[in-house]
Amino acid sequence: MNKRRVLSAAALLGLFFFCATSLTFGQTAPAGKLPAASTQAPKAAAPAASGDLLDLNTATKDQLQALPGIGTTYSQKIIDGRPYRAKNELVQKKIIPQATYEKISKLVIAKQPKK
């Protein structure tokens, strides 16, 4: 695809999301005014590809909370349980349940510091 098509597709996608959001909340913005911004902070994006695994030993609380099934309590437990030699220690140390571990196991790693 050429640049013009990509930019056009991106503009249409943005317009679609703006309209969908307006319809979802059942309100439209008055002429010249935008709706108020959400008071919630956006979640950090979870790792997308296998090369972008999240390190359990260095990840921030926000990065951990972006993982499926990990909220404020589990993210703090993960931080408090550091360091990890292997990612499966999350279950062995009873930090998170097995079902939650299965959701995140392909997204995380427990890197060891270089000596």
PDB file of N, CA and C in Angstrom:
ATOM      1  N   MET A   1       0.836  -1.185   0.000  1.00  0.00           N
ATOM      2  CA  MET A   1       0.000   0.000   0.000  1.00  0.00           C
ATOM      3  C   MET A   1       0.877   1.244   0.000  1.00  0.00           C
ATOM      4  N   ASN A   2       0.422   2.253  -0.639  1.00  0.00           N
ATOM      5  CA  ASN A   2       1.198   3.476  -0.632  1.00  0.00           C
ATOM      6  C   ASN A   2       0.841   4.305   0.596  1.00  0.00           C
ATOM      7  N   LYS A   3       1.633   5.353   0.836  1.00  0.00           N
ATOM      8  CA  LYS A   3       1.459   6.186   2.029  1.00  0.00           C
ATOM      9  C   LYS A   3       0.086   6.845   2.086  1.00  0.00           C
ATOM     10  N   ARG A   4      -0.398   7.280   0.952  1.00  0.00           N
ATOM     11  CA  ARG A   4      -1.680   7.991   0.909  1.00  0.00           C
ATOM     12  C   ARG A   4      -2.824   7.088   1.360  1.00  0.00           C
ATOM     13  N   ARG A   5      -2.794   5.840   0.906  1.00  0.00           N
ATOM     14  CA  ARG A   5      -3.837   4.888   1.306  1.00  0.00           C
ATOM     15  C   ARG A   5      -3.751   4.581   2.797  1.00  0.00           C
ATOM     16  N   VAL A   6      -2.540   4.434   3.302  1.00  0.00           N
ATOM     17  CA  VAL A   6      -2.363   4.140   4.724  1.00  0.00           C
ATOM     18  C   VAL A   6      -2.887   5.294   5.565  1.00  0.00           C
ATOM     19  N   LEU A   7      -2.545   6.516   5.191  1.00  0.00           N
ATOM     20  CA  LEU A   7      -3.017   7.690   5.932  1.00  0.00           C
ATOM     21  C   LEU A   7      -4.534   7.817   5.850  1.00  0.00           C
ATOM     22  N   SER A   8      -5.103   7.544   4.681  1.00  0.00           N
ATOM     23  CA  SER A   8      -6.556   7.602   4.533  1.00  0.00           C
ATOM     24  C   SER A   8      -7.232   6.551   5.401  1.00  0.00           C
ATOM     25  N   ALA A   9      -6.685   5.360   5.410  1.00  0.00           N
ATOM     26  CA  ALA A   9      -7.247   4.285   6.234  1.00  0.00           C
ATOM     27  C   ALA A   9      -7.151   4.647   7.709  1.00  0.00           C
ATOM     28  N   ALA A  10      -6.041   5.232   8.124  1.00  0.00           N
ATOM     29  CA  ALA A  10      -5.867   5.628   9.527  1.00  0.00           C
ATOM     30  C   ALA A  10      -6.863   6.724   9.898  1.00  0.00           C
ATOM     31  N   ALA A  11      -7.088   7.673   9.008  1.00  0.00           N
ATOM     32  CA  ALA A  11      -8.050   8.744   9.277  1.00  0.00           C
ATOM     33  C   ALA A  11      -9.462   8.192   9.399  1.00  0.00           C
ATOM     34  N   LEU A  12      -9.832   7.285   8.522  1.00  0.00           N
ATOM     35  CA  LEU A  12     -11.155   6.672   8.593  1.00  0.00           C
ATOM     36  C   LEU A  12     -11.330   5.855   9.866  1.00  0.00           C
ATOM     37  N   LEU A  13     -10.300   5.146  10.256  1.00  0.00           N
ATOM     38  CA  LEU A  13     -10.344   4.357  11.481  1.00  0.00           C
ATOM     39  C   LEU A  13     -10.514   5.268  12.698  1.00  0.00           C
ATOM     40  N   GLY A  14      -9.789   6.376  12.737  1.00  0.00           N
ATOM     41  CA  GLY A  14      -9.928   7.335  13.824  1.00  0.00           C
ATOM     42  C   GLY A  14     -11.329   7.913  13.880  1.00  0.00           C
ATOM     43  N   LEU A  15     -11.888   8.259  12.739  1.00  0.00           N
ATOM     44  CA  LEU A  15     -13.246   8.791  12.671  1.00  0.00           C
ATOM     45  C   LEU A  15     -14.256   7.759  13.156  1.00  0.00           C
ATOM     46  N   PHE A  16     -14.055   6.514  12.761  1.00  0.00           N
ATOM     47  CA  PHE A  16     -14.945   5.446  13.204  1.00  0.00           C
ATOM     48  C   PHE A  16     -14.935   5.331  14.726  1.00  0.00           C
ATOM     49  N   PHE A  17     -13.745   5.309  15.339  1.00  0.00           N
ATOM     50  CA  PHE A  17     -13.665   5.179  16.786  1.00  0.00           C
ATOM     51  C   PHE A  17     -14.269   6.385  17.491  1.00  0.00           C
ATOM     52  N   PHE A  18     -14.096   7.563  16.944  1.00  0.00           N
ATOM     53  CA  PHE A  18     -14.682   8.758  17.550  1.00  0.00           C
ATOM     54  C   PHE A  18     -16.206   8.660  17.525  1.00  0.00           C
ATOM     55  N   CYS A  19     -16.758   8.275  16.386  1.00  0.00           N
ATOM     56  CA  CYS A  19     -18.214   8.144  16.277  1.00  0.00           C
ATOM     57  C   CYS A  19     -18.734   7.019  17.165  1.00  0.00           C
ATOM     58  N   ALA A  20     -18.049   5.903  17.184  1.00  0.00           N
ATOM     59  CA  ALA A  20     -18.471   4.773  18.013  1.00  0.00           C
ATOM     60  C   ALA A  20     -18.457   5.148  19.484  1.00  0.00           C
ATOM     61  N   THR A  21     -17.464   5.893  19.910  1.00  0.00           N
ATOM     62  CA  THR A  21     -17.384   6.325  21.311  1.00  0.00           C
ATOM     63  C   THR A  21     -18.528   7.263  21.635  1.00  0.00           C
ATOM     64  N   SER A  22     -18.819   8.180  20.749  1.00  0.00           N
ATOM     65  CA  SER A  22     -19.918   9.117  20.977  1.00  0.00           C
ATOM     66  C   SER A  22     -21.241   8.381  21.081  1.00  0.00           C
ATOM     67  N   LEU A  23     -21.461   7.398  20.231  1.00  0.00           N
ATOM     68  CA  LEU A  23     -22.706   6.636  20.262  1.00  0.00           C
ATOM     69  C   LEU A  23     -22.780   5.750  21.499  1.00  0.00           C
ATOM     70  N   THR A  24     -21.651   5.226  21.921  1.00  0.00           N
ATOM     71  CA  THR A  24     -21.610   4.348  23.081  1.00  0.00           C
ATOM     72  C   THR A  24     -22.059   5.077  24.332  1.00  0.00           C
ATOM     73  N   PHE A  25     -21.635   6.300  24.488  1.00  0.00           N
ATOM     74  CA  PHE A  25     -21.982   7.057  25.675  1.00  0.00           C
ATOM     75  C   PHE A  25     -23.298   7.819  25.519  1.00  0.00           C
ATOM     76  N   GLY A  26     -23.937   7.689  24.370  1.00  0.00           N
ATOM     77  CA  GLY A  26     -25.242   8.281  24.147  1.00  0.00           C
ATOM     78  C   GLY A  26     -25.239   9.797  24.126  1.00  0.00           C
ATOM     79  N   GLN A  27     -24.105  10.366  23.810  1.00  0.00           N
ATOM     80  CA  GLN A  27     -24.053  11.817  23.750  1.00  0.00           C
ATOM     81  C   GLN A  27     -23.126  12.243  22.625  1.00  0.00           C
ATOM     82  N   THR A  28     -23.387  13.388  22.110  1.00  0.00           N
ATOM     83  CA  THR A  28     -22.509  13.943  21.097  1.00  0.00           C
ATOM     84  C   THR A  28     -21.983  15.267  21.623  1.00  0.00           C
ATOM     85  N   ALA A  29     -20.830  15.638  21.162  1.00  0.00           N
ATOM     86  CA  ALA A  29     -20.225  16.882  21.610  1.00  0.00           C
ATOM     87  C   ALA A  29     -20.893  18.057  20.922  1.00  0.00           C
ATOM     88  N   PRO A  30     -21.157  19.134  21.662  1.00  0.00           N
ATOM     89  CA  PRO A  30     -21.695  20.332  21.034  1.00  0.00           C
ATOM     90  C   PRO A  30     -20.691  20.866  20.009  1.00  0.00           C
ATOM     91  N   ALA A  31     -21.187  21.619  19.053  1.00  0.00           N
ATOM     92  CA  ALA A  31     -20.315  22.157  18.010  1.00  0.00           C
ATOM     93  C   ALA A  31     -19.167  22.925  18.632  1.00  0.00           C
ATOM     94  N   GLY A  32     -17.955  22.585  18.237  1.00  0.00           N
ATOM     95  CA  GLY A  32     -16.765  23.287  18.708  1.00  0.00           C
ATOM     96  C   GLY A  32     -16.252  22.805  20.049  1.00  0.00           C
ATOM     97  N   LYS A  33     -16.906  21.825  20.688  1.00  0.00           N
ATOM     98  CA  LYS A  33     -16.445  21.338  21.985  1.00  0.00           C
ATOM     99  C   LYS A  33     -16.282  19.826  21.933  1.00  0.00           C
ATOM    100  N   LEU A  34     -15.268  19.349  22.613  1.00  0.00           N
ATOM    101  CA  LEU A  34     -15.034  17.923  22.699  1.00  0.00           C
ATOM    102  C   LEU A  34     -15.538  17.415  24.045  1.00  0.00           C
ATOM    103  N   PRO A  35     -15.942  16.164  24.124  1.00  0.00           N
ATOM    104  CA  PRO A  35     -16.374  15.616  25.402  1.00  0.00           C
ATOM    105  C   PRO A  35     -15.218  15.607  26.404  1.00  0.00           C
ATOM    106  N   ALA A  36     -15.538  15.646  27.692  1.00  0.00           N
ATOM    107  CA  ALA A  36     -14.516  15.654  28.732  1.00  0.00           C
ATOM    108  C   ALA A  36     -13.704  14.370  28.671  1.00  0.00           C
ATOM    109  N   ALA A  37     -12.431  14.490  28.993  1.00  0.00           N
ATOM    110  CA  ALA A  37     -11.551  13.333  28.982  1.00  0.00           C
ATOM    111  C   ALA A  37     -11.855  12.440  30.173  1.00  0.00           C
ATOM    112  N   SER A  38     -11.593  11.176  30.018  1.00  0.00           N
ATOM    113  CA  SER A  38     -11.809  10.214  31.087  1.00  0.00           C
ATOM    114  C   SER A  38     -10.849  10.482  32.227  1.00  0.00           C
ATOM    115  N   THR A  39     -11.297  10.238  33.454  1.00  0.00           N
ATOM    116  CA  THR A  39     -10.436  10.464  34.614  1.00  0.00           C
ATOM    117  C   THR A  39      -9.549   9.268  34.900  1.00  0.00           C
ATOM    118  N   GLN A  40      -9.813   8.137  34.256  1.00  0.00           N
ATOM    119  CA  GLN A  40      -8.982   6.968  34.464  1.00  0.00           C
ATOM    120  C   GLN A  40      -7.739   7.063  33.609  1.00  0.00           C
ATOM    121  N   ALA A  41      -6.605   6.655  34.209  1.00  0.00           N
ATOM    122  CA  ALA A  41      -5.359   6.612  33.463  1.00  0.00           C
ATOM    123  C   ALA A  41      -5.395   5.405  32.536  1.00  0.00           C
ATOM    124  N   PRO A  42      -4.895   5.553  31.300  1.00  0.00           N
ATOM    125  CA  PRO A  42      -4.897   4.411  30.393  1.00  0.00           C
ATOM    126  C   PRO A  42      -3.911   3.355  30.868  1.00  0.00           C
ATOM    127  N   LYS A  43      -4.243   2.099  30.614  1.00  0.00           N
ATOM    128  CA  LYS A  43      -3.343   1.016  30.984  1.00  0.00           C
ATOM    129  C   LYS A  43      -2.212   0.950  29.974  1.00  0.00           C
ATOM    130  N   ALA A  44      -1.056   0.568  30.461  1.00  0.00           N
ATOM    131  CA  ALA A  44       0.077   0.374  29.566  1.00  0.00           C
ATOM    132  C   ALA A  44      -0.209  -0.842  28.693  1.00  0.00           C
ATOM    133  N   ALA A  45       0.275  -0.810  27.488  1.00  0.00           N
ATOM    134  CA  ALA A  45       0.028  -1.911  26.573  1.00  0.00           C
ATOM    135  C   ALA A  45       0.813  -3.141  26.995  1.00  0.00           C
ATOM    136  N   ALA A  46       0.198  -4.289  26.909  1.00  0.00           N
ATOM    137  CA  ALA A  46       0.872  -5.545  27.204  1.00  0.00           C
ATOM    138  C   ALA A  46       1.797  -5.866  26.043  1.00  0.00           C
ATOM    139  N   PRO A  47       2.820  -6.672  26.278  1.00  0.00           N
ATOM    140  CA  PRO A  47       3.728  -7.022  25.192  1.00  0.00           C
ATOM    141  C   PRO A  47       2.973  -7.651  24.030  1.00  0.00           C
ATOM    142  N   ALA A  48       3.341  -7.288  22.824  1.00  0.00           N
ATOM    143  CA  ALA A  48       2.606  -7.730  21.646  1.00  0.00           C
ATOM    144  C   ALA A  48       3.216  -8.970  21.007  1.00  0.00           C
ATOM    145  N   ALA A  49       4.505  -9.019  20.917  1.00  0.00           N
ATOM    146  CA  ALA A  49       5.152 -10.127  20.229  1.00  0.00           C
ATOM    147  C   ALA A  49       6.049 -10.891  21.194  1.00  0.00           C
ATOM    148  N   SER A  50       6.441 -12.098  20.805  1.00  0.00           N
ATOM    149  CA  SER A  50       7.262 -12.924  21.685  1.00  0.00           C
ATOM    150  C   SER A  50       8.614 -12.277  21.974  1.00  0.00           C
ATOM    151  N   GLY A  51       9.091 -11.414  21.103  1.00  0.00           N
ATOM    152  CA  GLY A  51      10.338 -10.709  21.339  1.00  0.00           C
ATOM    153  C   GLY A  51      10.188  -9.603  22.366  1.00  0.00           C
ATOM    154  N   ASP A  52       8.968  -9.266  22.728  1.00  0.00           N
ATOM    155  CA  ASP A  52       8.698  -8.193  23.672  1.00  0.00           C
ATOM    156  C   ASP A  52       8.169  -8.735  24.999  1.00  0.00           C
ATOM    157  N   LEU A  53       8.772  -9.794  25.510  1.00  0.00           N
ATOM    158  CA  LEU A  53       8.305 -10.376  26.758  1.00  0.00           C
ATOM    159  C   LEU A  53       8.553  -9.420  27.917  1.00  0.00           C
ATOM    160  N   LEU A  54       7.629  -9.373  28.838  1.00  0.00           N
ATOM    161  CA  LEU A  54       7.716  -8.500  29.999  1.00  0.00           C
ATOM    162  C   LEU A  54       8.516  -9.200  31.087  1.00  0.00           C
ATOM    163  N   ASP A  55       9.570  -8.546  31.568  1.00  0.00           N
ATOM    164  CA  ASP A  55      10.430  -9.127  32.597  1.00  0.00           C
ATOM    165  C   ASP A  55       9.785  -8.946  33.966  1.00  0.00           C
ATOM    166  N   LEU A  56       9.489 -10.050  34.636  1.00  0.00           N
ATOM    167  CA  LEU A  56       8.853  -9.999  35.949  1.00  0.00           C
ATOM    168  C   LEU A  56       9.729  -9.315  36.992  1.00  0.00           C
ATOM    169  N   ASN A  57      11.040  -9.338  36.800  1.00  0.00           N
ATOM    170  CA  ASN A  57      11.960  -8.775  37.773  1.00  0.00           C
ATOM    171  C   ASN A  57      12.152  -7.263  37.646  1.00  0.00           C
ATOM    172  N   THR A  58      11.728  -6.683  36.522  1.00  0.00           N
ATOM    173  CA  THR A  58      11.938  -5.248  36.331  1.00  0.00           C
ATOM    174  C   THR A  58      10.684  -4.478  35.916  1.00  0.00           C
ATOM    175  N   ALA A  59       9.593  -5.172  35.653  1.00  0.00           N
ATOM    176  CA  ALA A  59       8.374  -4.516  35.163  1.00  0.00           C
ATOM    177  C   ALA A  59       7.779  -3.589  36.227  1.00  0.00           C
ATOM    178  N   THR A  60       7.199  -2.490  35.755  1.00  0.00           N
ATOM    179  CA  THR A  60       6.531  -1.568  36.661  1.00  0.00           C
ATOM    180  C   THR A  60       5.152  -2.118  37.020  1.00  0.00           C
ATOM    181  N   LYS A  61       4.545  -1.525  38.035  1.00  0.00           N
ATOM    182  CA  LYS A  61       3.209  -1.947  38.457  1.00  0.00           C
ATOM    183  C   LYS A  61       2.207  -1.766  37.313  1.00  0.00           C
ATOM    184  N   ASP A  62       2.296  -0.645  36.598  1.00  0.00           N
ATOM    185  CA  ASP A  62       1.394  -0.386  35.470  1.00  0.00           C
ATOM    186  C   ASP A  62       1.567  -1.417  34.361  1.00  0.00           C
ATOM    187  N   GLN A  63       2.820  -1.785  34.066  1.00  0.00           N
ATOM    188  CA  GLN A  63       3.063  -2.788  33.035  1.00  0.00           C
ATOM    189  C   GLN A  63       2.478  -4.134  33.439  1.00  0.00           C
ATOM    190  N   LEU A  64       2.623  -4.495  34.703  1.00  0.00           N
ATOM    191  CA  LEU A  64       2.078  -5.765  35.177  1.00  0.00           C
ATOM    192  C   LEU A  64       0.557  -5.752  35.130  1.00  0.00           C
ATOM    193  N   GLN A  65      -0.057  -4.627  35.493  1.00  0.00           N
ATOM    194  CA  GLN A  65      -1.517  -4.529  35.487  1.00  0.00           C
ATOM    195  C   GLN A  65      -2.100  -4.620  34.091  1.00  0.00           C
ATOM    196  N   ALA A  66      -1.310  -4.348  33.083  1.00  0.00           N
ATOM    197  CA  ALA A  66      -1.782  -4.441  31.701  1.00  0.00           C
ATOM    198  C   ALA A  66      -1.898  -5.893  31.235  1.00  0.00           C
ATOM    199  N   LEU A  67      -1.322  -6.816  31.983  1.00  0.00           N
ATOM    200  CA  LEU A  67      -1.417  -8.231  31.631  1.00  0.00           C
ATOM    201  C   LEU A  67      -2.815  -8.756  31.943  1.00  0.00           C
ATOM    202  N   PRO A  68      -3.314  -9.716  31.170  1.00  0.00           N
ATOM    203  CA  PRO A  68      -4.660 -10.248  31.415  1.00  0.00           C
ATOM    204  C   PRO A  68      -4.737 -10.945  32.772  1.00  0.00           C
ATOM    205  N   GLY A  69      -5.745 -10.574  33.567  1.00  0.00           N
ATOM    206  CA  GLY A  69      -5.971 -11.201  34.861  1.00  0.00           C
ATOM    207  C   GLY A  69      -5.150 -10.631  35.998  1.00  0.00           C
ATOM    208  N   ILE A  70      -4.284  -9.651  35.707  1.00  0.00           N
ATOM    209  CA  ILE A  70      -3.436  -9.063  36.742  1.00  0.00           C
ATOM    210  C   ILE A  70      -3.965  -7.669  37.062  1.00  0.00           C
ATOM    211  N   GLY A  71      -4.397  -7.482  38.280  1.00  0.00           N
ATOM    212  CA  GLY A  71      -4.892  -6.184  38.733  1.00  0.00           C
ATOM    213  C   GLY A  71      -3.917  -5.583  39.721  1.00  0.00           C
ATOM    214  N   THR A  72      -4.417  -4.672  40.540  1.00  0.00           N
ATOM    215  CA  THR A  72      -3.538  -3.973  41.494  1.00  0.00           C
ATOM    216  C   THR A  72      -2.984  -4.924  42.550  1.00  0.00           C
ATOM    217  N   THR A  73      -3.802  -5.850  43.035  1.00  0.00           N
ATOM    218  CA  THR A  73      -3.346  -6.756  44.099  1.00  0.00           C
ATOM    219  C   THR A  73      -2.275  -7.712  43.590  1.00  0.00           C
ATOM    220  N   TYR A  74      -2.536  -8.375  42.470  1.00  0.00           N
ATOM    221  CA  TYR A  74      -1.557  -9.317  41.936  1.00  0.00           C
ATOM    222  C   TYR A  74      -0.280  -8.611  41.493  1.00  0.00           C
ATOM    223  N   SER A  75      -0.397  -7.434  40.907  1.00  0.00           N
ATOM    224  CA  SER A  75       0.809  -6.738  40.465  1.00  0.00           C
ATOM    225  C   SER A  75       1.691  -6.400  41.660  1.00  0.00           C
ATOM    226  N   GLN A  76       1.089  -5.997  42.771  1.00  0.00           N
ATOM    227  CA  GLN A  76       1.879  -5.684  43.969  1.00  0.00           C
ATOM    228  C   GLN A  76       2.493  -6.949  44.559  1.00  0.00           C
ATOM    229  N   LYS A  77       1.753  -8.060  44.529  1.00  0.00           N
ATOM    230  CA  LYS A  77       2.296  -9.325  45.019  1.00  0.00           C
ATOM    231  C   LYS A  77       3.487  -9.772  44.171  1.00  0.00           C
ATOM    232  N   ILE A  78       3.387  -9.576  42.865  1.00  0.00           N
ATOM    233  CA  ILE A  78       4.498  -9.943  41.970  1.00  0.00           C
ATOM    234  C   ILE A  78       5.729  -9.108  42.310  1.00  0.00           C
ATOM    235  N   ILE A  79       5.538  -7.826  42.510  1.00  0.00           N
ATOM    236  CA  ILE A  79       6.659  -6.937  42.851  1.00  0.00           C
ATOM    237  C   ILE A  79       7.261  -7.343  44.194  1.00  0.00           C
ATOM    238  N   ASP A  80       6.414  -7.626  45.178  1.00  0.00           N
ATOM    239  CA  ASP A  80       6.894  -7.993  46.513  1.00  0.00           C
ATOM    240  C   ASP A  80       7.629  -9.328  46.527  1.00  0.00           C
ATOM    241  N   GLY A  81       7.316 -10.218  45.582  1.00  0.00           N
ATOM    242  CA  GLY A  81       7.932 -11.543  45.537  1.00  0.00           C
ATOM    243  C   GLY A  81       9.247 -11.615  44.774  1.00  0.00           C
ATOM    244  N   ARG A  82       9.724 -10.503  44.258  1.00  0.00           N
ATOM    245  CA  ARG A  82      10.963 -10.481  43.487  1.00  0.00           C
ATOM    246  C   ARG A  82      12.158 -10.804  44.360  1.00  0.00           C
ATOM    247  N   PRO A  83      13.226 -11.330  43.770  1.00  0.00           N
ATOM    248  CA  PRO A  83      13.457 -11.682  42.368  1.00  0.00           C
ATOM    249  C   PRO A  83      12.956 -13.094  42.061  1.00  0.00           C
ATOM    250  N   TYR A  84      12.726 -13.342  40.775  1.00  0.00           N
ATOM    251  CA  TYR A  84      12.285 -14.644  40.297  1.00  0.00           C
ATOM    252  C   TYR A  84      13.388 -15.264  39.455  1.00  0.00           C
ATOM    253  N   ARG A  85      13.641 -16.546  39.673  1.00  0.00           N
ATOM    254  CA  ARG A  85      14.601 -17.280  38.831  1.00  0.00           C
ATOM    255  C   ARG A  85      13.903 -17.790  37.582  1.00  0.00           C
ATOM    256  N   ALA A  86      12.612 -18.093  37.709  1.00  0.00           N
ATOM    257  CA  ALA A  86      11.813 -18.607  36.589  1.00  0.00           C
ATOM    258  C   ALA A  86      10.394 -18.070  36.738  1.00  0.00           C
ATOM    259  N   LYS A  87       9.720 -17.910  35.621  1.00  0.00           N
ATOM    260  CA  LYS A  87       8.376 -17.334  35.665  1.00  0.00           C
ATOM    261  C   LYS A  87       7.371 -18.233  36.366  1.00  0.00           C
ATOM    262  N   ASN A  88       7.605 -19.554  36.366  1.00  0.00           N
ATOM    263  CA  ASN A  88       6.661 -20.453  37.021  1.00  0.00           C
ATOM    264  C   ASN A  88       6.702 -20.330  38.548  1.00  0.00           C
ATOM    265  N   GLU A  89       7.649 -19.577  39.085  1.00  0.00           N
ATOM    266  CA  GLU A  89       7.683 -19.316  40.526  1.00  0.00           C
ATOM    267  C   GLU A  89       6.469 -18.505  40.978  1.00  0.00           C
ATOM    268  N   LEU A  90       5.804 -17.834  40.043  1.00  0.00           N
ATOM    269  CA  LEU A  90       4.587 -17.097  40.392  1.00  0.00           C
ATOM    270  C   LEU A  90       3.541 -18.043  40.987  1.00  0.00           C
ATOM    271  N   VAL A  91       3.468 -19.255  40.459  1.00  0.00           N
ATOM    272  CA  VAL A  91       2.522 -20.247  40.977  1.00  0.00           C
ATOM    273  C   VAL A  91       3.140 -20.990  42.161  1.00  0.00           C
ATOM    274  N   GLN A  92       4.428 -21.348  42.051  1.00  0.00           N
ATOM    275  CA  GLN A  92       5.093 -22.089  43.120  1.00  0.00           C
ATOM    276  C   GLN A  92       5.087 -21.314  44.438  1.00  0.00           C
ATOM    277  N   LYS A  93       5.288 -19.997  44.363  1.00  0.00           N
ATOM    278  CA  LYS A  93       5.297 -19.146  45.566  1.00  0.00           C
ATOM    279  C   LYS A  93       3.883 -18.691  45.954  1.00  0.00           C
ATOM    280  N   LYS A  94       2.890 -19.185  45.220  1.00  0.00           N
ATOM    281  CA  LYS A  94       1.474 -18.862  45.456  1.00  0.00           C
ATOM    282  C   LYS A  94       1.197 -17.350  45.374  1.00  0.00           C
ATOM    283  N   ILE A  95       1.838 -16.715  44.380  1.00  0.00           N
ATOM    284  CA  ILE A  95       1.627 -15.290  44.117  1.00  0.00           C
ATOM    285  C   ILE A  95       0.335 -15.112  43.315  1.00  0.00           C
ATOM    286  N   ILE A  96       0.151 -15.969  42.297  1.00  0.00           N
ATOM    287  CA  ILE A  96      -1.055 -15.931  41.470  1.00  0.00           C
ATOM    288  C   ILE A  96      -1.549 -17.367  41.280  1.00  0.00           C
ATOM    289  N   PRO A  97      -2.839 -17.545  40.984  1.00  0.00           N
ATOM    290  CA  PRO A  97      -3.349 -18.897  40.728  1.00  0.00           C
ATOM    291  C   PRO A  97      -2.912 -19.423  39.360  1.00  0.00           C
ATOM    292  N   GLN A  98      -2.981 -20.735  39.211  1.00  0.00           N
ATOM    293  CA  GLN A  98      -2.576 -21.404  37.972  1.00  0.00           C
ATOM    294  C   GLN A  98      -3.335 -20.861  36.759  1.00  0.00           C
ATOM    295  N   ALA A  99      -4.634 -20.621  36.910  1.00  0.00           N
ATOM    296  CA  ALA A  99      -5.437 -20.132  35.779  1.00  0.00           C
ATOM    297  C   ALA A  99      -4.938 -18.768  35.297  1.00  0.00           C
ATOM    298  N   THR A 100      -4.562 -17.905  36.203  1.00  0.00           N
ATOM    299  CA  THR A 100      -4.035 -16.586  35.828  1.00  0.00           C
ATOM    300  C   THR A 100      -2.666 -16.742  35.182  1.00  0.00           C
ATOM    301  N   TYR A 101      -1.847 -17.632  35.734  1.00  0.00           N
ATOM    302  CA  TYR A 101      -0.521 -17.883  35.163  1.00  0.00           C
ATOM    303  C   TYR A 101      -0.633 -18.349  33.711  1.00  0.00           C
ATOM    304  N   GLU A 102      -1.601 -19.201  33.432  1.00  0.00           N
ATOM    305  CA  GLU A 102      -1.777 -19.699  32.067  1.00  0.00           C
ATOM    306  C   GLU A 102      -2.119 -18.568  31.097  1.00  0.00           C
ATOM    307  N   LYS A 103      -2.798 -17.530  31.573  1.00  0.00           N
ATOM    308  CA  LYS A 103      -3.133 -16.382  30.716  1.00  0.00           C
ATOM    309  C   LYS A 103      -1.904 -15.549  30.374  1.00  0.00           C
ATOM    310  N   ILE A 104      -0.934 -15.474  31.286  1.00  0.00           N
ATOM    311  CA  ILE A 104       0.203 -14.559  31.093  1.00  0.00           C
ATOM    312  C   ILE A 104       1.517 -15.251  30.773  1.00  0.00           C
ATOM    313  N   SER A 105       1.579 -16.565  30.876  1.00  0.00           N
ATOM    314  CA  SER A 105       2.863 -17.268  30.760  1.00  0.00           C
ATOM    315  C   SER A 105       3.590 -17.012  29.438  1.00  0.00           C
ATOM    316  N   LYS A 106       2.848 -16.798  28.372  1.00  0.00           N
ATOM    317  CA  LYS A 106       3.489 -16.548  27.074  1.00  0.00           C
ATOM    318  C   LYS A 106       3.854 -15.082  26.883  1.00  0.00           C
ATOM    319  N   LEU A 107       3.518 -14.238  27.860  1.00  0.00           N
ATOM    320  CA  LEU A 107       3.777 -12.807  27.750  1.00  0.00           C
ATOM    321  C   LEU A 107       4.895 -12.324  28.666  1.00  0.00           C
ATOM    322  N   VAL A 108       5.360 -13.204  29.571  1.00  0.00           N
ATOM    323  CA  VAL A 108       6.347 -12.780  30.566  1.00  0.00           C
ATOM    324  C   VAL A 108       7.584 -13.666  30.550  1.00  0.00           C
ATOM    325  N   ILE A 109       8.629 -13.143  31.177  1.00  0.00           N
ATOM    326  CA  ILE A 109       9.898 -13.848  31.332  1.00  0.00           C
ATOM    327  C   ILE A 109      10.514 -13.394  32.655  1.00  0.00           C
ATOM    328  N   ALA A 110      11.387 -14.201  33.210  1.00  0.00           N
ATOM    329  CA  ALA A 110      12.121 -13.816  34.414  1.00  0.00           C
ATOM    330  C   ALA A 110      13.609 -13.786  34.062  1.00  0.00           C
ATOM    331  N   LYS A 111      14.058 -12.629  33.608  1.00  0.00           N
ATOM    332  CA  LYS A 111      15.454 -12.489  33.202  1.00  0.00           C
ATOM    333  C   LYS A 111      16.366 -12.455  34.430  1.00  0.00           C
ATOM    334  N   GLN A 112      17.550 -12.990  34.253  1.00  0.00           N
ATOM    335  CA  GLN A 112      18.538 -12.974  35.327  1.00  0.00           C
ATOM    336  C   GLN A 112      19.542 -11.858  35.057  1.00  0.00           C
ATOM    337  N   PRO A 113      19.968 -11.167  36.122  1.00  0.00           N
ATOM    338  CA  PRO A 113      20.954 -10.091  35.907  1.00  0.00           C
ATOM    339  C   PRO A 113      22.268 -10.678  35.382  1.00  0.00           C
ATOM    340  N   LYS A 114      22.911  -9.937  34.501  1.00  0.00           N
ATOM    341  CA  LYS A 114      24.196 -10.380  33.953  1.00  0.00           C
ATOM    342  C   LYS A 114      25.272 -10.196  34.993  1.00  0.00           C
ATOM    343  N   LYS A 115      26.156 -11.194  35.061  1.00  0.00           N
ATOM    344  CA  LYS A 115      27.244 -11.141  36.067  1.00  0.00           C
ATOM    345  C   LYS A 115      28.524 -10.699  35.449  1.00  0.00           C
TER     346      LYS A 115
END
